[in-house]
Protein backbone atom coordinates (compact mmCIF):
# COMPACT_ATOMS: atom_id res chain seq x y z
CA MET A 1 5.98 8.16 -10.74
CA LEU A 2 7.58 4.65 -11.65
CA ASN A 3 8.32 2.79 -14.66
CA THR A 4 7.35 5.49 -17.06
CA VAL A 5 7.58 4.36 -20.73
CA ALA A 6 8.55 7.26 -22.84
CA THR A 7 6.58 6.64 -26.13
CA LYS A 8 3.61 8.27 -27.85
CA THR A 9 1.92 5.12 -29.09
CA THR A 10 1.28 1.83 -27.32
CA SER A 11 2.03 0.14 -30.69
CA GLN A 12 5.77 0.94 -29.73
CA MET A 13 5.27 -1.03 -26.56
CA PRO A 14 5.90 -4.87 -26.08
CA LEU A 15 2.22 -5.63 -24.88
CA THR A 16 1.11 -8.93 -23.58
CA VAL A 17 -2.11 -9.97 -21.59
CA ARG A 18 -0.04 -9.53 -18.46
CA GLU A 19 -0.26 -5.73 -18.75
CA ARG A 20 -3.90 -5.43 -17.66
CA ARG A 21 -5.75 -2.25 -18.63
CA SER A 22 -8.62 -0.66 -16.50
CA ALA A 23 -12.16 -0.06 -17.68
CA PHE A 24 -10.90 3.52 -18.50
CA TRP A 25 -8.07 2.50 -20.51
CA ALA A 26 -9.40 3.21 -23.90
CA SER A 27 -11.13 6.49 -23.10
CA SER A 28 -8.05 7.76 -21.40
CA ASP A 29 -5.54 6.45 -24.09
CA ALA A 30 -7.70 8.21 -26.83
CA HIS A 31 -6.50 11.70 -25.46
CA ASN A 32 -3.01 11.03 -26.73
CA PRO A 33 -0.86 10.72 -23.69
CA ASN A 34 2.83 11.15 -24.30
CA GLY A 35 4.02 8.54 -21.64
CA TYR A 36 2.82 5.33 -20.14
CA MET A 37 3.80 3.32 -17.18
CA VAL A 38 3.12 -0.20 -15.76
CA TYR A 39 2.07 -0.16 -12.12
CA ASN A 40 0.79 -3.13 -10.25
CA HIS A 41 0.96 -4.91 -13.44
CA THR A 42 -1.48 -2.48 -15.14
CA LEU A 43 -0.76 -0.32 -17.86
CA ILE A 44 -1.94 3.22 -17.59
CA PRO A 45 -1.19 6.68 -19.33
CA SER A 46 1.16 8.44 -16.97
CA THR A 47 1.82 11.88 -18.56
CA PHE A 48 -0.12 14.39 -20.88
CA GLY A 49 1.22 17.39 -22.73
CA GLU A 50 3.75 20.00 -21.44
CA ALA A 51 4.39 19.17 -17.60
CA GLU A 52 4.20 22.77 -16.52
CA GLN A 53 0.98 23.47 -18.23
CA GLN A 54 -0.74 20.42 -16.97
CA TYR A 55 0.43 21.23 -13.36
CA TYR A 56 -1.15 24.64 -13.47
CA HIS A 57 -4.27 23.13 -15.20
CA LEU A 58 -4.48 20.62 -12.15
CA LYS A 59 -4.59 23.59 -9.79
CA SER A 60 -7.02 25.99 -11.54
CA ALA A 61 -9.65 23.52 -13.19
CA VAL A 62 -10.44 19.84 -13.14
CA GLN A 63 -8.89 16.56 -14.60
CA LEU A 64 -9.74 12.85 -15.08
CA TRP A 65 -6.97 10.31 -14.13
CA ASP A 66 -7.29 6.71 -15.03
CA VAL A 67 -5.84 5.31 -11.75
CA GLY A 68 -7.05 1.80 -12.44
CA CYS A 69 -3.62 0.63 -11.27
CA GLU A 70 -4.75 1.01 -7.85
CA ARG A 71 -5.73 -2.47 -7.47
CA GLN A 72 -8.04 -3.63 -4.83
CA ILE A 73 -7.60 -6.57 -2.47
CA GLU A 74 -10.89 -7.57 -0.94
CA LEU A 75 -10.92 -9.33 2.35
CA VAL A 76 -14.37 -10.60 3.40
CA GLY A 77 -15.48 -12.95 6.18
CA PRO A 78 -15.61 -13.21 9.94
CA ASP A 79 -11.80 -12.69 10.29
CA ALA A 80 -11.24 -9.91 7.75
CA ALA A 81 -10.90 -7.13 10.31
CA LYS A 82 -8.41 -9.51 12.12
CA LEU A 83 -6.50 -10.01 9.00
CA VAL A 84 -6.39 -6.32 8.00
CA GLN A 85 -5.23 -5.52 11.70
CA MET A 86 -2.37 -7.98 11.66
CA SER A 87 -0.89 -6.34 8.64
CA THR A 88 -1.07 -2.76 9.89
CA PRO A 89 -0.11 -0.68 13.29
CA ARG A 90 -2.98 1.61 12.80
CA ASP A 91 -5.75 0.86 14.95
CA ILE A 92 -8.75 0.10 12.75
CA SER A 93 -11.11 -1.07 15.64
CA GLN A 94 -13.00 2.14 15.63
CA MET A 95 -13.27 2.43 11.66
CA THR A 96 -16.86 3.01 10.59
CA HIS A 97 -18.39 1.83 7.20
CA ASP A 98 -18.07 5.02 5.45
CA ARG A 99 -14.29 5.42 6.12
CA CYS A 100 -11.01 5.46 4.20
CA PHE A 101 -7.97 5.01 6.17
CA TYR A 102 -4.36 5.62 4.91
CA ILE A 103 -2.46 2.85 6.34
CA PRO A 104 1.17 1.68 6.72
CA THR A 105 1.36 -2.11 6.22
CA VAL A 106 4.37 -3.95 7.67
CA ASP A 107 5.94 -7.23 8.12
CA GLY A 108 6.92 -8.99 11.34
CA LYS A 109 10.26 -6.75 11.62
CA GLY A 110 8.12 -3.75 11.50
CA HIS A 111 9.37 -2.90 7.64
CA MET A 112 6.79 -1.34 5.23
CA THR A 113 5.22 -3.54 2.73
CA ASN A 114 2.84 -1.08 1.32
CA ASP A 115 0.90 2.19 2.14
CA PRO A 116 -2.48 1.63 0.80
CA VAL A 117 -5.83 3.26 1.34
CA LEU A 118 -8.23 0.98 3.29
CA LEU A 119 -11.95 1.28 2.76
CA ARG A 120 -14.37 -0.36 5.06
CA LEU A 121 -17.42 -1.41 3.20
CA ASP A 122 -19.25 -3.38 5.85
CA GLU A 123 -18.54 -4.97 9.23
CA ASP A 124 -16.53 -7.90 7.60
CA ARG A 125 -15.71 -6.64 4.21
CA PHE A 126 -12.77 -4.18 3.15
CA TRP A 127 -10.92 -3.13 0.09
CA VAL A 128 -7.18 -2.65 0.31
CA SER A 129 -6.32 -0.16 -2.38
CA ILE A 130 -2.81 -0.82 -2.80
CA SER A 131 0.39 1.22 -4.03
CA ASN A 132 2.76 -0.44 -6.26
CA SER A 133 3.89 -3.58 -4.57
CA ASP A 134 2.27 -7.09 -4.27
CA LEU A 135 0.39 -7.51 -1.19
CA MET A 136 -2.09 -9.97 -1.67
CA LEU A 137 -0.12 -13.12 -1.33
CA TYR A 138 0.96 -11.84 2.27
CA TYR A 139 -2.79 -11.64 3.16
CA LYS A 140 -3.38 -15.26 1.61
CA GLY A 141 -0.38 -16.67 3.33
CA ILE A 142 -1.30 -15.57 6.81
CA ALA A 143 -5.02 -16.52 6.15
CA ALA A 144 -3.88 -20.09 5.19
CA ALA A 145 -1.31 -20.30 7.86
CA LEU A 146 -3.82 -19.38 10.71
CA ASN A 147 -6.83 -21.07 9.14
CA LEU A 148 -8.66 -17.67 9.33
CA LYS A 149 -12.59 -17.39 8.14
CA VAL A 150 -11.72 -15.05 5.43
CA GLU A 151 -11.66 -14.70 1.57
CA VAL A 152 -8.89 -12.78 -0.06
CA PHE A 153 -9.19 -12.18 -3.78
CA GLU A 154 -8.86 -9.09 -6.24
CA PRO A 155 -12.17 -7.80 -7.33
CA ALA A 156 -12.86 -6.13 -10.83
CA VAL A 157 -12.61 -2.49 -9.66
CA SER A 158 -11.04 0.21 -11.65
CA PRO A 159 -10.57 3.67 -9.56
CA LEU A 160 -11.11 6.72 -11.73
CA ALA A 161 -9.71 10.13 -10.18
CA ILE A 162 -11.62 13.35 -10.40
CA GLN A 163 -9.14 15.87 -9.34
CA GLY A 164 -8.66 19.80 -8.92
CA PRO A 165 -10.62 22.58 -7.47
CA LYS A 166 -13.43 22.22 -9.71
CA ALA A 167 -13.97 18.53 -8.86
CA ASP A 168 -16.89 19.34 -6.57
CA GLU A 169 -18.92 21.19 -9.33
CA LEU A 170 -18.36 18.35 -11.73
CA ALA A 171 -19.17 15.41 -9.55
CA ALA A 172 -22.06 17.42 -8.34
CA ARG A 173 -23.45 17.79 -11.75
CA VAL A 174 -23.29 14.10 -12.48
CA TRP A 175 -24.41 12.55 -8.93
CA GLY A 176 -26.18 15.49 -7.22
CA GLY A 177 -25.46 18.18 -4.86
CA LYS A 178 -25.08 15.73 -1.79
CA ILE A 179 -21.47 14.67 -2.78
CA ARG A 180 -20.28 18.42 -1.69
CA ASP A 181 -20.99 17.34 1.81
CA LEU A 182 -18.88 14.24 1.56
CA ARG A 183 -15.90 14.66 4.21
CA PHE A 184 -12.23 13.87 3.42
CA PHE A 185 -11.47 10.21 3.49
CA ARG A 186 -15.15 9.41 3.65
CA HIS A 187 -17.14 7.31 0.93
CA MET A 188 -20.68 7.15 -0.13
CA ARG A 189 -22.65 5.00 -2.81
CA VAL A 190 -23.66 6.98 -5.85
CA ASP A 191 -25.77 5.67 -9.01
CA VAL A 192 -23.59 5.04 -11.81
CA ASN A 193 -26.06 4.27 -14.60
CA GLY A 194 -28.09 2.08 -12.71
CA THR A 195 -25.57 0.65 -10.51
CA GLN A 196 -24.58 1.61 -6.90
CA MET A 197 -20.83 2.39 -6.47
CA ILE A 198 -18.53 3.86 -4.13
CA LEU A 199 -17.21 7.47 -4.54
CA ALA A 200 -14.68 8.37 -1.91
CA ARG A 201 -13.45 11.95 -1.25
CA SER A 202 -9.57 11.03 -1.82
CA GLY A 203 -7.12 11.16 -4.56
CA PHE A 204 -3.27 11.41 -5.04
CA SER A 205 -3.13 15.19 -5.06
CA THR A 206 -3.68 18.10 -2.73
CA GLN A 207 -6.03 20.07 -5.02
CA GLY A 208 -9.28 18.19 -3.92
CA GLY A 209 -11.41 15.81 -5.48
CA PHE A 210 -12.72 12.08 -5.61
CA GLU A 211 -12.18 8.64 -6.70
CA LEU A 212 -14.88 6.54 -8.12
CA TYR A 213 -14.44 2.84 -7.56
CA PHE A 214 -15.75 1.53 -10.74
CA GLU A 215 -16.88 -1.99 -10.70
CA GLY A 216 -16.69 -4.18 -13.52
CA ASN A 217 -14.79 -4.12 -17.01
CA LYS A 218 -17.42 -2.90 -19.31
CA ASP A 219 -19.03 0.52 -19.92
CA GLY A 220 -16.33 2.63 -18.19
CA ASP A 221 -16.26 4.72 -21.45
CA VAL A 222 -20.07 5.62 -20.41
CA VAL A 223 -19.22 7.09 -17.36
CA TRP A 224 -15.90 8.82 -18.62
CA ASN A 225 -17.95 10.48 -21.64
CA GLN A 226 -20.50 11.59 -18.95
CA LEU A 227 -18.02 13.36 -16.93
CA MET A 228 -16.35 14.86 -19.82
CA GLU A 229 -19.52 16.32 -21.24
CA ALA A 230 -20.68 17.34 -17.85
CA GLY A 231 -17.44 19.24 -17.32
CA ARG A 232 -16.72 20.83 -21.02
CA ASP A 233 -17.32 24.32 -19.65
CA LEU A 234 -14.94 23.77 -16.59
CA ASP A 235 -12.16 22.72 -18.89
CA VAL A 236 -12.01 19.36 -17.91
CA ARG A 237 -9.14 17.31 -19.21
CA ALA A 238 -7.81 13.70 -19.15
CA SER A 239 -4.49 13.75 -17.28
CA ALA A 240 -2.65 11.62 -14.56
CA PRO A 241 -1.07 12.24 -11.20
CA HIS A 242 1.48 15.04 -11.65
CA GLN A 243 5.13 14.61 -10.07
CA SER A 244 5.77 18.07 -9.07
CA GLU A 245 2.48 18.62 -7.49
CA ARG A 246 2.61 15.46 -5.43
CA ILE A 247 6.36 15.89 -4.27
CA GLU A 248 5.82 19.58 -3.24
CA SER A 249 2.79 18.49 -1.37
CA GLY A 250 4.95 15.73 0.32
CA MET A 251 2.69 12.99 -1.10
CA LEU A 252 4.92 9.65 -0.95
CA SER A 253 5.76 7.03 -3.70
CA PHE A 254 6.03 3.65 -2.68
CA LEU A 255 9.26 1.97 -4.05
CA ALA A 256 10.57 5.28 -4.39
CA ASP A 257 10.36 7.38 -1.37
CA ILE A 258 9.24 4.47 0.88
CA THR A 259 11.37 1.31 0.53
CA PHE A 260 10.97 -2.07 2.02
CA ASP A 261 13.84 -1.52 4.41
CA MET A 262 12.19 1.42 6.16
CA THR A 263 9.62 1.61 9.05
CA PRO A 264 6.75 3.90 9.13
CA PHE A 265 8.61 6.03 11.35
CA GLU A 266 11.25 6.53 9.15
CA ALA A 267 8.64 7.48 6.44
CA GLY A 268 7.00 10.02 8.82
CA LEU A 269 4.15 7.71 9.57
CA GLY A 270 4.45 7.38 13.07
CA SER A 271 1.39 9.09 14.05
CA LEU A 272 -0.52 6.41 12.41
CA CYS A 273 1.07 3.71 14.53
CA GLU A 274 -0.44 2.37 17.91
CA THR A 275 2.43 1.32 19.94
CA GLU A 276 1.34 1.65 23.32
CA ARG A 277 -1.12 -1.51 23.34
CA ASP A 278 -0.99 -4.51 21.15
CA ILE A 279 -3.67 -4.30 18.79
CA GLY A 280 -2.79 -7.54 16.91
CA CYS A 281 -0.32 -6.19 14.37
CA LEU A 282 2.33 -8.86 13.71
CA GLY A 283 4.94 -6.21 13.69
CA TRP A 284 4.00 -4.44 16.69
CA ALA A 285 6.66 -5.77 19.17
CA ALA A 286 9.30 -4.79 16.39
CA LEU A 287 7.92 -1.31 15.91
CA ARG A 288 8.07 -0.42 19.68
CA GLU A 289 11.85 -0.98 19.51
CA LYS A 290 12.00 1.28 16.54
CA ARG A 291 10.08 4.39 17.48
CA GLU A 292 13.17 6.63 17.44
CA PRO A 293 14.52 6.65 13.96
CA ASP A 294 17.91 7.44 13.06
CA ARG A 295 16.87 8.66 9.60
CA GLN A 296 13.63 10.16 8.30
CA LEU A 297 12.07 11.47 5.25
CA ARG A 298 12.40 15.35 4.99
CA PRO A 299 11.57 18.13 2.52
CA ILE A 300 14.63 19.28 0.77
CA GLU A 301 15.04 22.54 -1.40
CA ILE A 302 17.82 22.19 -3.97
CA ALA A 303 19.44 25.50 -5.23
CA GLY A 304 19.81 26.27 -8.95
CA ASP A 305 17.91 26.02 -12.34
CA GLY A 306 15.53 22.98 -13.04
CA LEU A 307 16.99 19.61 -12.22
CA PRO A 308 17.99 16.71 -14.62
CA PRO A 309 15.65 13.77 -14.74
CA GLN A 310 16.25 11.51 -11.83
CA GLY A 311 16.24 7.77 -12.49
CA GLU A 312 18.23 6.73 -9.20
CA PHE A 313 18.72 7.71 -5.74
CA TRP A 314 20.98 10.92 -5.43
CA SER A 315 23.43 10.97 -2.59
CA VAL A 316 23.02 13.59 0.19
CA ILE A 317 26.33 15.05 1.54
CA ALA A 318 27.35 16.99 4.57
CA ASP A 319 30.81 17.50 6.10
CA GLY A 320 32.40 15.51 3.37
CA ARG A 321 30.38 12.24 4.03
CA PRO A 322 26.92 10.80 2.95
CA VAL A 323 24.02 11.52 5.25
CA GLY A 324 20.98 10.46 3.14
CA ARG A 325 19.37 10.11 -0.18
CA ILE A 326 17.12 12.00 -2.46
CA SER A 327 14.20 9.69 -3.82
CA SER A 328 12.17 12.14 -5.71
CA SER A 329 12.82 15.70 -7.10
CA CYS A 330 10.97 18.33 -9.42
CA ARG A 331 10.81 21.79 -10.31
CA ALA A 332 8.00 22.99 -7.98
CA TYR A 333 6.65 25.71 -10.43
CA SER A 334 4.27 27.72 -8.03
CA PHE A 335 7.09 28.26 -5.67
CA ASP A 336 10.00 28.91 -8.09
CA CYS A 337 12.38 26.31 -6.64
CA ASN A 338 13.51 22.75 -6.90
CA ALA A 339 11.71 20.58 -4.46
CA ALA A 340 12.69 17.03 -3.36
CA ILE A 341 12.15 14.30 -0.76
CA GLY A 342 15.04 12.90 1.11
CA LEU A 343 15.75 10.28 3.65
CA ILE A 344 18.09 12.01 6.08
CA ASP A 345 20.07 11.02 8.87
CA ARG A 346 19.09 12.38 12.32
CA SER A 347 22.13 14.38 12.67
CA HIS A 348 21.33 16.45 9.49
CA TRP A 349 17.40 16.49 9.29
CA SER A 350 16.69 19.68 11.45
CA PRO A 351 15.26 22.57 9.33
CA GLY A 352 17.87 25.06 7.87
CA THR A 353 20.69 22.48 7.73
CA ALA A 354 22.79 23.12 4.71
CA LEU A 355 23.42 20.03 2.48
CA GLU A 356 24.88 18.95 -0.72
CA ILE A 357 23.29 16.80 -3.40
CA LEU A 358 25.24 14.79 -5.90
CA THR A 359 22.74 14.94 -8.87
CA SER A 360 23.49 13.41 -12.32
CA ASP A 361 24.96 16.49 -13.49
CA GLY A 362 27.04 17.44 -10.59
CA LEU A 363 26.93 18.88 -6.94
CA ARG A 364 24.10 21.15 -5.79
CA GLU A 365 23.56 23.16 -2.69
CA ALA A 366 20.38 22.17 -0.65
CA THR A 367 18.49 23.07 2.47
CA VAL A 368 16.31 21.20 4.84
CA LYS A 369 12.80 22.75 4.86
CA GLU A 370 10.36 22.86 7.81
CA LYS A 371 7.36 21.67 5.99
CA PHE A 372 6.48 20.64 2.29
CA TRP A 373 5.67 23.74 0.00
CA GLY A 374 2.03 22.51 -0.90
CA ARG A 375 1.03 22.00 2.77
CA PHE A 376 -0.86 24.76 4.49
């Protein structure tokens, strides 16, 4: 997570109209979060309760997350698909109208600008659900420079995540059993109190669940309360994406694990890049020259007891010299170890390689792992 504000009451925070709130802000905030963050210019609760307890609850029950900070960029018009394709090396030509694609977006030099989820709503209509960086001006600039026939704007959409192994049961109680058949990274329309809205099988955890793309700024509390009431016996709780669960599962955080100086290949997203043929991505030629990276993200296990809080990159050392950086770290409670995500030089990224990590409380021994702990 980024930009967490450690306070128990929003009255302690310097708020202005620039810190936007989602349609679920009031409902989520009423559950007494103990931390907040600003993400995509949007204020959301970021932590609830004791970290380890919330971690195990996510893995055993069901949680509601206000993720209205996942802002949407809508592209609609005859050139909408062309404009999306110009921004990403992932081929979207065969994307059907019920699909969600995780896409790396890049600039003309092949460096990453975001790692959003792309939803195709119609032949000429897309939502780009962005991570924590501004991307809309990039689309607007290209569209204006090339005089493309496309509108680019931010719709009033606030995603609400329903995550955990009991998410299917909760969603089925509210929207019917048909949602159980919804495949991963597919979406469908469901009736939300008389309005058809998009429900996608997706979310920033590996515990399973959905994201409801709630449209409008009113009555978010109505659907929140409906879900809370329907899931009372399922132990549904308000919460937020969990740092430990996402790190042990290898879920990347933009501006932390992925930075603007990295390519998709360095981020381990090379399988999402079409480099054999020119599909219209502005960074295509540059990416072809960068297919063999000299550094790449790797799972790193750090020895010892729990780690200190991490507020900066930690240096990775081997043979007395820097060979990378740690961008995210945590205690992986289910695996009784310290898990981390590191950008490691090719010379030292093989599984089993011994490393040292210069943490904020001193050197720790570490090892490159073959895969992330939460991946099966």
